[in-house]
PDB file of N, CA and C in Angstrom:
ATOM      1  N   MET A   1      29.209  12.507  21.505  1.00  0.00           N
ATOM      2  CA  MET A   1      28.004  12.689  22.315  1.00  0.00           C
ATOM      3  C   MET A   1      27.957  14.002  23.016  1.00  0.00           C
ATOM      4  N   MET A   2      28.884  14.845  22.794  1.00  0.00           N
ATOM      5  CA  MET A   2      28.929  16.142  23.430  1.00  0.00           C
ATOM      6  C   MET A   2      27.812  17.042  22.911  1.00  0.00           C
ATOM      7  N   PHE A   3      27.390  16.839  21.659  1.00  0.00           N
ATOM      8  CA  PHE A   3      26.354  17.734  21.054  1.00  0.00           C
ATOM      9  C   PHE A   3      25.093  17.657  21.809  1.00  0.00           C
ATOM     10  N   PHE A   4      24.705  16.489  22.362  1.00  0.00           N
ATOM     11  CA  PHE A   4      23.384  16.357  23.066  1.00  0.00           C
ATOM     12  C   PHE A   4      23.390  17.276  24.328  1.00  0.00           C
ATOM     13  N   ASN A   5      24.537  17.583  24.841  1.00  0.00           N
ATOM     14  CA  ASN A   5      24.530  18.476  26.047  1.00  0.00           C
ATOM     15  C   ASN A   5      24.238  19.937  25.721  1.00  0.00           C
ATOM     16  N   TYR A   6      24.442  20.361  24.478  1.00  0.00           N
ATOM     17  CA  TYR A   6      24.238  21.693  24.096  1.00  0.00           C
ATOM     18  C   TYR A   6      22.763  22.059  23.975  1.00  0.00           C
ATOM     19  N   ASN A   7      22.037  21.254  23.207  1.00  0.00           N
ATOM     20  CA  ASN A   7      20.624  21.563  23.000  1.00  0.00           C
ATOM     21  C   ASN A   7      19.845  20.265  22.874  1.00  0.00           C
ATOM     22  N   VAL A   8      19.201  19.857  23.985  1.00  0.00           N
ATOM     23  CA  VAL A   8      18.503  18.635  24.033  1.00  0.00           C
ATOM     24  C   VAL A   8      17.292  18.596  23.080  1.00  0.00           C
ATOM     25  N   GLY A   9      16.593  19.721  22.970  1.00  0.00           N
ATOM     26  CA  GLY A   9      15.415  19.803  22.065  1.00  0.00           C
ATOM     27  C   GLY A   9      15.731  19.501  20.645  1.00  0.00           C
ATOM     28  N   SER A  10      16.782  20.155  20.141  1.00  0.00           N
ATOM     29  CA  SER A  10      17.155  19.903  18.757  1.00  0.00           C
ATOM     30  C   SER A  10      17.690  18.497  18.559  1.00  0.00           C
ATOM     31  N   ALA A  11      18.362  17.967  19.585  1.00  0.00           N
ATOM     32  CA  ALA A  11      18.831  16.568  19.493  1.00  0.00           C
ATOM     33  C   ALA A  11      17.643  15.558  19.372  1.00  0.00           C
ATOM     34  N   ILE A  12      16.566  15.806  20.149  1.00  0.00           N
ATOM     35  CA  ILE A  12      15.398  14.968  20.110  1.00  0.00           C
ATOM     36  C   ILE A  12      14.741  15.050  18.729  1.00  0.00           C
ATOM     37  N   VAL A  13      14.610  16.294  18.179  1.00  0.00           N
ATOM     38  CA  VAL A  13      13.981  16.433  16.855  1.00  0.00           C
ATOM     39  C   VAL A  13      14.798  15.713  15.813  1.00  0.00           C
ATOM     40  N   MET A  14      16.134  15.828  15.887  1.00  0.00           N
ATOM     41  CA  MET A  14      17.001  15.156  14.869  1.00  0.00           C
ATOM     42  C   MET A  14      16.891  13.660  15.028  1.00  0.00           C
ATOM     43  N   LEU A  15      16.829  13.108  16.219  1.00  0.00           N
ATOM     44  CA  LEU A  15      16.714  11.688  16.424  1.00  0.00           C
ATOM     45  C   LEU A  15      15.378  11.112  15.939  1.00  0.00           C
ATOM     46  N   ILE A  16      14.315  11.873  16.196  1.00  0.00           N
ATOM     47  CA  ILE A  16      12.995  11.428  15.766  1.00  0.00           C
ATOM     48  C   ILE A  16      12.989  11.445  14.173  1.00  0.00           C
ATOM     49  N   THR A  17      13.491  12.496  13.628  1.00  0.00           N
ATOM     50  CA  THR A  17      13.561  12.604  12.137  1.00  0.00           C
ATOM     51  C   THR A  17      14.326  11.425  11.525  1.00  0.00           C
ATOM     52  N   THR A  18      15.469  11.117  12.171  1.00  0.00           N
ATOM     53  CA  THR A  18      16.312  10.047  11.674  1.00  0.00           C
ATOM     54  C   THR A  18      15.586   8.701  11.816  1.00  0.00           C
ATOM     55  N   LEU A  19      14.931   8.501  12.920  1.00  0.00           N
ATOM     56  CA  LEU A  19      14.163   7.243  13.078  1.00  0.00           C
ATOM     57  C   LEU A  19      13.047   7.089  12.034  1.00  0.00           C
ATOM     58  N   PHE A  20      12.294   8.238  11.758  1.00  0.00           N
ATOM     59  CA  PHE A  20      11.234   8.137  10.777  1.00  0.00           C
ATOM     60  C   PHE A  20      11.775   7.895   9.367  1.00  0.00           C
ATOM     61  N   LEU A  21      12.919   8.546   9.049  1.00  0.00           N
ATOM     62  CA  LEU A  21      13.470   8.348   7.694  1.00  0.00           C
ATOM     63  C   LEU A  21      14.014   6.944   7.541  1.00  0.00           C
ATOM     64  N   THR A  22      14.556   6.363   8.596  1.00  0.00           N
ATOM     65  CA  THR A  22      15.045   5.008   8.616  1.00  0.00           C
ATOM     66  C   THR A  22      13.841   4.041   8.417  1.00  0.00           C
ATOM     67  N   LEU A  23      12.726   4.291   9.110  1.00  0.00           N
ATOM     68  CA  LEU A  23      11.555   3.476   8.992  1.00  0.00           C
ATOM     69  C   LEU A  23      10.987   3.503   7.592  1.00  0.00           C
ATOM     70  N   VAL A  24      10.916   4.704   7.002  1.00  0.00           N
ATOM     71  CA  VAL A  24      10.395   4.836   5.647  1.00  0.00           C
ATOM     72  C   VAL A  24      11.267   4.130   4.623  1.00  0.00           C
ATOM     73  N   THR A  25      12.588   4.205   4.817  1.00  0.00           N
ATOM     74  CA  THR A  25      13.514   3.541   3.942  1.00  0.00           C
ATOM     75  C   THR A  25      13.330   1.996   4.024  1.00  0.00           C
ATOM     76  N   ILE A  26      13.164   1.481   5.181  1.00  0.00           N
ATOM     77  CA  ILE A  26      12.883   0.074   5.348  1.00  0.00           C
ATOM     78  C   ILE A  26      11.636  -0.358   4.743  1.00  0.00           C
ATOM     79  N   LEU A  27      10.551   0.417   4.995  1.00  0.00           N
ATOM     80  CA  LEU A  27       9.244   0.095   4.377  1.00  0.00           C
ATOM     81  C   LEU A  27       9.275   0.094   2.832  1.00  0.00           C
ATOM     82  N   MET A  28       9.981   1.129   2.313  1.00  0.00           N
ATOM     83  CA  MET A  28      10.083   1.207   0.812  1.00  0.00           C
ATOM     84  C   MET A  28      10.860   0.034   0.270  1.00  0.00           C
ATOM     85  N   ALA A  29      11.888  -0.429   0.960  1.00  0.00           N
ATOM     86  CA  ALA A  29      12.643  -1.593   0.510  1.00  0.00           C
ATOM     87  C   ALA A  29      11.746  -2.845   0.566  1.00  0.00           C
ATOM     88  N   LEU A  30      10.923  -2.999   1.599  1.00  0.00           N
ATOM     89  CA  LEU A  30      10.015  -4.139   1.716  1.00  0.00           C
ATOM     90  C   LEU A  30       8.971  -4.114   0.587  1.00  0.00           C
ATOM     91  N   VAL A  31       8.428  -2.967   0.249  1.00  0.00           N
ATOM     92  CA  VAL A  31       7.439  -2.830  -0.793  1.00  0.00           C
ATOM     93  C   VAL A  31       8.116  -3.194  -2.143  1.00  0.00           C
ATOM     94  N   LEU A  32       9.328  -2.683  -2.365  1.00  0.00           N
ATOM     95  CA  LEU A  32      10.016  -2.979  -3.601  1.00  0.00           C
ATOM     96  C   LEU A  32      10.252  -4.492  -3.735  1.00  0.00           C
ATOM     97  N   ILE A  33      10.683  -5.153  -2.660  1.00  0.00           N
ATOM     98  CA  ILE A  33      10.856  -6.604  -2.682  1.00  0.00           C
ATOM     99  C   ILE A  33       9.543  -7.321  -2.976  1.00  0.00           C
ATOM    100  N   LYS A  34       8.462  -6.845  -2.375  1.00  0.00           N
ATOM    101  CA  LYS A  34       7.156  -7.548  -2.621  1.00  0.00           C
ATOM    102  C   LYS A  34       6.718  -7.362  -4.057  1.00  0.00           C
ATOM    103  N   VAL A  35       6.866  -6.165  -4.622  1.00  0.00           N
ATOM    104  CA  VAL A  35       6.438  -5.933  -5.980  1.00  0.00           C
ATOM    105  C   VAL A  35       7.321  -6.775  -6.940  1.00  0.00           C
ATOM    106  N   HIS A  36       8.596  -6.847  -6.614  1.00  0.00           N
ATOM    107  CA  HIS A  36       9.457  -7.617  -7.459  1.00  0.00           C
ATOM    108  C   HIS A  36       9.074  -9.076  -7.440  1.00  0.00           C
ATOM    109  N   ARG A  37       8.747  -9.602  -6.266  1.00  0.00           N
ATOM    110  CA  ARG A  37       8.380 -11.008  -6.202  1.00  0.00           C
ATOM    111  C   ARG A  37       7.037 -11.253  -6.909  1.00  0.00           C
ATOM    112  N   MET A  38       6.129 -10.317  -6.814  1.00  0.00           N
ATOM    113  CA  MET A  38       4.861 -10.422  -7.528  1.00  0.00           C
ATOM    114  C   MET A  38       5.103 -10.465  -9.042  1.00  0.00           C
ATOM    115  N   TYR A  39       5.960  -9.586  -9.535  1.00  0.00           N
ATOM    116  CA  TYR A  39       6.205  -9.521 -10.932  1.00  0.00           C
ATOM    117  C   TYR A  39       6.929 -10.762 -11.405  1.00  0.00           C
ATOM    118  N   ARG A  40       7.959 -11.205 -10.651  1.00  0.00           N
ATOM    119  CA  ARG A  40       8.680 -12.452 -11.062  1.00  0.00           C
ATOM    120  C   ARG A  40       7.766 -13.659 -10.916  1.00  0.00           C
ATOM    121  N   GLY A  41       6.903 -13.718  -9.943  1.00  0.00           N
ATOM    122  CA  GLY A  41       5.972 -14.826  -9.770  1.00  0.00           C
ATOM    123  C   GLY A  41       4.939 -14.898 -10.837  1.00  0.00           C
ATOM    124  N   GLY A  42       4.660 -13.764 -11.500  1.00  0.00           N
ATOM    125  CA  GLY A  42       3.646 -13.709 -12.599  1.00  0.00           C
ATOM    126  C   GLY A  42       4.275 -13.983 -13.943  1.00  0.00           C
ATOM    127  N   GLY A  43       5.501 -14.436 -13.943  1.00  0.00           N
ATOM    128  CA  GLY A  43       6.149 -14.765 -15.234  1.00  0.00           C
ATOM    129  C   GLY A  43       6.869 -13.615 -15.872  1.00  0.00           C
ATOM    130  N   GLY A  44       7.038 -12.526 -15.173  1.00  0.00           N
ATOM    131  CA  GLY A  44       7.729 -11.344 -15.717  1.00  0.00           C
ATOM    132  C   GLY A  44       9.232 -11.538 -15.757  1.00  0.00           C
ATOM    133  N   SER A  45       9.815 -10.889 -16.755  1.00  0.00           N
ATOM    134  CA  SER A  45      11.284 -10.892 -16.921  1.00  0.00           C
ATOM    135  C   SER A  45      11.735  -9.526 -17.462  1.00  0.00           C
ATOM    136  N   LEU A  46      12.964  -9.324 -17.392  1.00  0.00           N
ATOM    137  CA  LEU A  46      13.516  -8.040 -17.944  1.00  0.00           C
ATOM    138  C   LEU A  46      13.232  -7.938 -19.442  1.00  0.00           C
ATOM    139  N   GLU A  47      13.422  -9.056 -20.143  1.00  0.00           N
ATOM    140  CA  GLU A  47      13.195  -9.035 -21.564  1.00  0.00           C
ATOM    141  C   GLU A  47      11.722  -8.739 -21.854  1.00  0.00           C
ATOM    142  N   ARG A  48      10.828  -9.354 -21.112  1.00  0.00           N
ATOM    143  CA  ARG A  48       9.408  -9.141 -21.339  1.00  0.00           C
ATOM    144  C   ARG A  48       9.021  -7.665 -21.059  1.00  0.00           C
ATOM    145  N   ALA A  49       9.603  -7.126 -20.010  1.00  0.00           N
ATOM    146  CA  ALA A  49       9.290  -5.717 -19.641  1.00  0.00           C
ATOM    147  C   ALA A  49       9.799  -4.801 -20.800  1.00  0.00           C
ATOM    148  N   GLN A  50      11.020  -5.055 -21.283  1.00  0.00           N
ATOM    149  CA  GLN A  50      11.558  -4.222 -22.346  1.00  0.00           C
ATOM    150  C   GLN A  50      10.713  -4.370 -23.603  1.00  0.00           C
ATOM    151  N   GLU A  51      10.191  -5.581 -23.897  1.00  0.00           N
ATOM    152  CA  GLU A  51       9.386  -5.744 -25.071  1.00  0.00           C
ATOM    153  C   GLU A  51       8.049  -4.969 -24.899  1.00  0.00           C
ATOM    154  N   GLU A  52       7.418  -5.065 -23.746  1.00  0.00           N
ATOM    155  CA  GLU A  52       6.167  -4.342 -23.472  1.00  0.00           C
ATOM    156  C   GLU A  52       6.386  -2.861 -23.566  1.00  0.00           C
ATOM    157  N   TRP A  53       7.505  -2.405 -23.069  1.00  0.00           N
ATOM    158  CA  TRP A  53       7.762  -0.954 -23.089  1.00  0.00           C
ATOM    159  C   TRP A  53       7.994  -0.484 -24.522  1.00  0.00           C
ATOM    160  N   SER A  54       8.780  -1.233 -25.287  1.00  0.00           N
ATOM    161  CA  SER A  54       9.092  -0.815 -26.653  1.00  0.00           C
ATOM    162  C   SER A  54       7.883  -0.893 -27.607  1.00  0.00           C
ATOM    163  N   THR A  55       7.018  -1.873 -27.370  1.00  0.00           N
ATOM    164  CA  THR A  55       5.808  -1.998 -28.290  1.00  0.00           C
ATOM    165  C   THR A  55       4.682  -1.133 -27.833  1.00  0.00           C
ATOM    166  N   GLY A  56       4.751  -0.540 -26.650  1.00  0.00           N
ATOM    167  CA  GLY A  56       3.668   0.358 -26.208  1.00  0.00           C
ATOM    168  C   GLY A  56       2.455  -0.337 -25.674  1.00  0.00           C
ATOM    169  N   VAL A  57       2.609  -1.576 -25.201  1.00  0.00           N
ATOM    170  CA  VAL A  57       1.468  -2.293 -24.623  1.00  0.00           C
ATOM    171  C   VAL A  57       0.862  -1.556 -23.444  1.00  0.00           C
ATOM    172  N   TRP A  58       1.728  -0.894 -22.698  1.00  0.00           N
ATOM    173  CA  TRP A  58       1.274  -0.183 -21.495  1.00  0.00           C
ATOM    174  C   TRP A  58       0.441   1.071 -21.865  1.00  0.00           C
ATOM    175  N   LYS A  59       0.506   1.513 -23.129  1.00  0.00           N
ATOM    176  CA  LYS A  59      -0.316   2.654 -23.590  1.00  0.00           C
ATOM    177  C   LYS A  59      -1.698   2.250 -24.074  1.00  0.00           C
ATOM    178  N   ASN A  60      -1.916   0.938 -24.262  1.00  0.00           N
ATOM    179  CA  ASN A  60      -3.173   0.465 -24.740  1.00  0.00           C
ATOM    180  C   ASN A  60      -4.259   0.695 -23.734  1.00  0.00           C
ATOM    181  N   GLY A  61      -5.379   1.354 -24.059  1.00  0.00           N
ATOM    182  CA  GLY A  61      -6.373   1.652 -23.144  1.00  0.00           C
ATOM    183  C   GLY A  61      -7.074   0.459 -22.506  1.00  0.00           C
ATOM    184  N   ALA A  62      -7.364  -0.539 -23.360  1.00  0.00           N
ATOM    185  CA  ALA A  62      -8.013  -1.747 -22.847  1.00  0.00           C
ATOM    186  C   ALA A  62      -7.107  -2.535 -21.871  1.00  0.00           C
ATOM    187  N   VAL A  63      -5.829  -2.549 -22.112  1.00  0.00           N
ATOM    188  CA  VAL A  63      -4.885  -3.207 -21.208  1.00  0.00           C
ATOM    189  C   VAL A  63      -4.831  -2.468 -19.905  1.00  0.00           C
ATOM    190  N   ARG A  64      -4.715  -1.163 -20.000  1.00  0.00           N
ATOM    191  CA  ARG A  64      -4.649  -0.360 -18.764  1.00  0.00           C
ATOM    192  C   ARG A  64      -5.875  -0.500 -17.961  1.00  0.00           C
ATOM    193  N   GLU A  65      -7.023  -0.412 -18.607  1.00  0.00           N
ATOM    194  CA  GLU A  65      -8.317  -0.541 -17.906  1.00  0.00           C
ATOM    195  C   GLU A  65      -8.456  -1.844 -17.175  1.00  0.00           C
ATOM    196  N   ALA A  66      -8.063  -2.946 -17.869  1.00  0.00           N
ATOM    197  CA  ALA A  66      -8.147  -4.264 -17.258  1.00  0.00           C
ATOM    198  C   ALA A  66      -7.249  -4.352 -16.063  1.00  0.00           C
ATOM    199  N   GLY A  67      -6.056  -3.739 -16.172  1.00  0.00           N
ATOM    200  CA  GLY A  67      -5.114  -3.760 -15.044  1.00  0.00           C
ATOM    201  C   GLY A  67      -5.615  -2.973 -13.841  1.00  0.00           C
ATOM    202  N   PHE A  68      -6.200  -1.827 -14.173  1.00  0.00           N
ATOM    203  CA  PHE A  68      -6.775  -0.999 -13.112  1.00  0.00           C
ATOM    204  C   PHE A  68      -7.903  -1.682 -12.420  1.00  0.00           C
ATOM    205  N   ASN A  69      -8.765  -2.353 -13.228  1.00  0.00           N
ATOM    206  CA  ASN A  69      -9.945  -3.043 -12.595  1.00  0.00           C
ATOM    207  C   ASN A  69      -9.471  -4.205 -11.743  1.00  0.00           C
ATOM    208  N   THR A  70      -8.471  -4.935 -12.212  1.00  0.00           N
ATOM    209  CA  THR A  70      -7.971  -6.065 -11.390  1.00  0.00           C
ATOM    210  C   THR A  70      -7.361  -5.551 -10.045  1.00  0.00           C
ATOM    211  N   VAL A  71      -6.566  -4.497 -10.124  1.00  0.00           N
ATOM    212  CA  VAL A  71      -6.008  -4.002  -8.906  1.00  0.00           C
ATOM    213  C   VAL A  71      -7.088  -3.404  -7.959  1.00  0.00           C
ATOM    214  N   ALA A  72      -8.102  -2.741  -8.517  1.00  0.00           N
ATOM    215  CA  ALA A  72      -9.146  -2.173  -7.705  1.00  0.00           C
ATOM    216  C   ALA A  72      -9.971  -3.219  -7.034  1.00  0.00           C
ATOM    217  N   GLN A  73     -10.259  -4.343  -7.742  1.00  0.00           N
ATOM    218  CA  GLN A  73     -11.075  -5.385  -7.127  1.00  0.00           C
ATOM    219  C   GLN A  73     -10.274  -6.122  -6.049  1.00  0.00           C
ATOM    220  N   THR A  74      -8.996  -6.381  -6.214  1.00  0.00           N
ATOM    221  CA  THR A  74      -8.246  -7.071  -5.172  1.00  0.00           C
ATOM    222  C   THR A  74      -7.957  -6.198  -4.049  1.00  0.00           C
ATOM    223  N   ALA A  75      -7.759  -4.866  -4.250  1.00  0.00           N
ATOM    224  CA  ALA A  75      -7.394  -4.045  -3.141  1.00  0.00           C
ATOM    225  C   ALA A  75      -8.614  -3.613  -2.343  1.00  0.00           C
ATOM    226  N   GLN A  76      -9.722  -3.506  -2.995  1.00  0.00           N
ATOM    227  CA  GLN A  76     -10.932  -2.975  -2.266  1.00  0.00           C
ATOM    228  C   GLN A  76     -11.612  -4.012  -1.446  1.00  0.00           C
ATOM    229  N   GLY A  77     -11.770  -5.230  -1.940  1.00  0.00           N
ATOM    230  CA  GLY A  77     -12.516  -6.267  -1.257  1.00  0.00           C
ATOM    231  C   GLY A  77     -13.965  -5.983  -1.336  1.00  0.00           C
ATOM    232  N   PRO A  78     -14.776  -6.577  -0.438  1.00  0.00           N
ATOM    233  CA  PRO A  78     -16.219  -6.351  -0.489  1.00  0.00           C
ATOM    234  C   PRO A  78     -16.501  -4.828  -0.072  1.00  0.00           C
ATOM    235  N   SER A  79     -17.459  -4.233  -0.780  1.00  0.00           N
ATOM    236  CA  SER A  79     -17.741  -2.825  -0.494  1.00  0.00           C
ATOM    237  C   SER A  79     -18.621  -2.650   0.712  1.00  0.00           C
ATOM    238  N   LEU A  80     -19.514  -3.626   1.015  1.00  0.00           N
ATOM    239  CA  LEU A  80     -20.339  -3.494   2.161  1.00  0.00           C
ATOM    240  C   LEU A  80     -20.240  -4.753   2.981  1.00  0.00           C
ATOM    241  N   PRO A  81     -20.400  -4.637   4.320  1.00  0.00           N
ATOM    242  CA  PRO A  81     -20.361  -5.913   5.117  1.00  0.00           C
ATOM    243  C   PRO A  81     -21.615  -6.732   4.815  1.00  0.00           C
ATOM    244  N   GLN A  82     -21.458  -8.007   4.941  1.00  0.00           N
ATOM    245  CA  GLN A  82     -22.610  -8.941   4.674  1.00  0.00           C
ATOM    246  C   GLN A  82     -23.399  -9.105   5.947  1.00  0.00           C
ATOM    247  N   TYR A  83     -24.588  -8.591   5.930  1.00  0.00           N
ATOM    248  CA  TYR A  83     -25.483  -8.662   7.144  1.00  0.00           C
ATOM    249  C   TYR A  83     -26.479  -9.824   6.868  1.00  0.00           C
ATOM    250  N   PRO A  84     -26.962 -10.420   7.971  1.00  0.00           N
ATOM    251  CA  PRO A  84     -28.017 -11.432   7.752  1.00  0.00           C
ATOM    252  C   PRO A  84     -29.284 -10.786   7.192  1.00  0.00           C
ATOM    253  N   ALA A  85     -30.092 -11.566   6.506  1.00  0.00           N
ATOM    254  CA  ALA A  85     -31.324 -11.072   5.891  1.00  0.00           C
ATOM    255  C   ALA A  85     -32.292 -10.529   6.870  1.00  0.00           C
ATOM    256  N   ALA A  86     -32.467 -11.149   7.997  1.00  0.00           N
ATOM    257  CA  ALA A  86     -33.400 -10.716   8.981  1.00  0.00           C
ATOM    258  C   ALA A  86     -32.776  -9.837   9.992  1.00  0.00           C
ATOM    259  N   VAL A  87     -33.272  -8.630  10.191  1.00  0.00           N
ATOM    260  CA  VAL A  87     -32.726  -7.701  11.152  1.00  0.00           C
ATOM    261  C   VAL A  87     -33.437  -7.866  12.430  1.00  0.00           C
ATOM    262  N   PRO A  88     -32.774  -8.110  13.553  1.00  0.00           N
ATOM    263  CA  PRO A  88     -33.468  -8.348  14.817  1.00  0.00           C
ATOM    264  C   PRO A  88     -34.183  -7.053  15.315  1.00  0.00           C
ATOM    265  N   SER A  89     -35.308  -7.227  15.979  1.00  0.00           N
ATOM    266  CA  SER A  89     -35.966  -6.042  16.532  1.00  0.00           C
ATOM    267  C   SER A  89     -35.736  -6.105  18.065  1.00  0.00           C
ATOM    268  N   TYR A  90     -35.368  -4.969  18.606  1.00  0.00           N
ATOM    269  CA  TYR A  90     -35.086  -4.890  19.968  1.00  0.00           C
ATOM    270  C   TYR A  90     -36.213  -4.127  20.686  1.00  0.00           C
ATOM    271  N   PRO A  91     -36.545  -4.549  21.924  1.00  0.00           N
ATOM    272  CA  PRO A  91     -37.629  -3.871  22.635  1.00  0.00           C
ATOM    273  C   PRO A  91     -37.146  -2.451  22.984  1.00  0.00           C
ATOM    274  N   ASP A  92     -38.117  -1.547  22.999  1.00  0.00           N
ATOM    275  CA  ASP A  92     -37.822  -0.188  23.327  1.00  0.00           C
ATOM    276  C   ASP A  92     -38.018   0.037  24.814  1.00  0.00           C
ATOM    277  N   ASN A  93     -36.923  -0.165  25.601  1.00  0.00           N
ATOM    278  CA  ASN A  93     -37.003  -0.020  27.048  1.00  0.00           C
ATOM    279  C   ASN A  93     -36.321   1.270  27.479  1.00  0.00           C
ATOM    280  N   SER A  94     -36.179   2.184  26.594  1.00  0.00           N
ATOM    281  CA  SER A  94     -35.519   3.445  27.001  1.00  0.00           C
ATOM    282  C   SER A  94     -36.460   4.294  27.877  1.00  0.00           C
ATOM    283  N   GLN A  95     -35.894   4.852  28.862  1.00  0.00           N
ATOM    284  CA  GLN A  95     -36.726   5.687  29.802  1.00  0.00           C
ATOM    285  C   GLN A  95     -36.368   7.153  29.633  1.00  0.00           C
ATOM    286  N   TRP A  96     -35.932   7.535  28.536  1.00  0.00           N
ATOM    287  CA  TRP A  96     -35.598   8.925  28.289  1.00  0.00           C
ATOM    288  C   TRP A  96     -36.839   9.666  28.037  1.00  0.00           C
TER     289      TRP A  96
END
């Protein structure tokens, strides 16, 4: 701990950098676990992935487009908020 007595500014910068890198590593591990669970939950296996890779299914334009559309629809959600049909009218009481 003697280093922190020499230059406190550089010590703070290094600690912040270390904390951010640790946080990013943890988040990447969580995302990897989530994607793995999604793949395994969808019936995926190592043999199936090797078969798809060797046959070139992932290069097929229709398959790629369907995958992109599915991901875009689930990630985007509704594009506009759902407002009621009748828009209320407010009285104009402004005194400007």
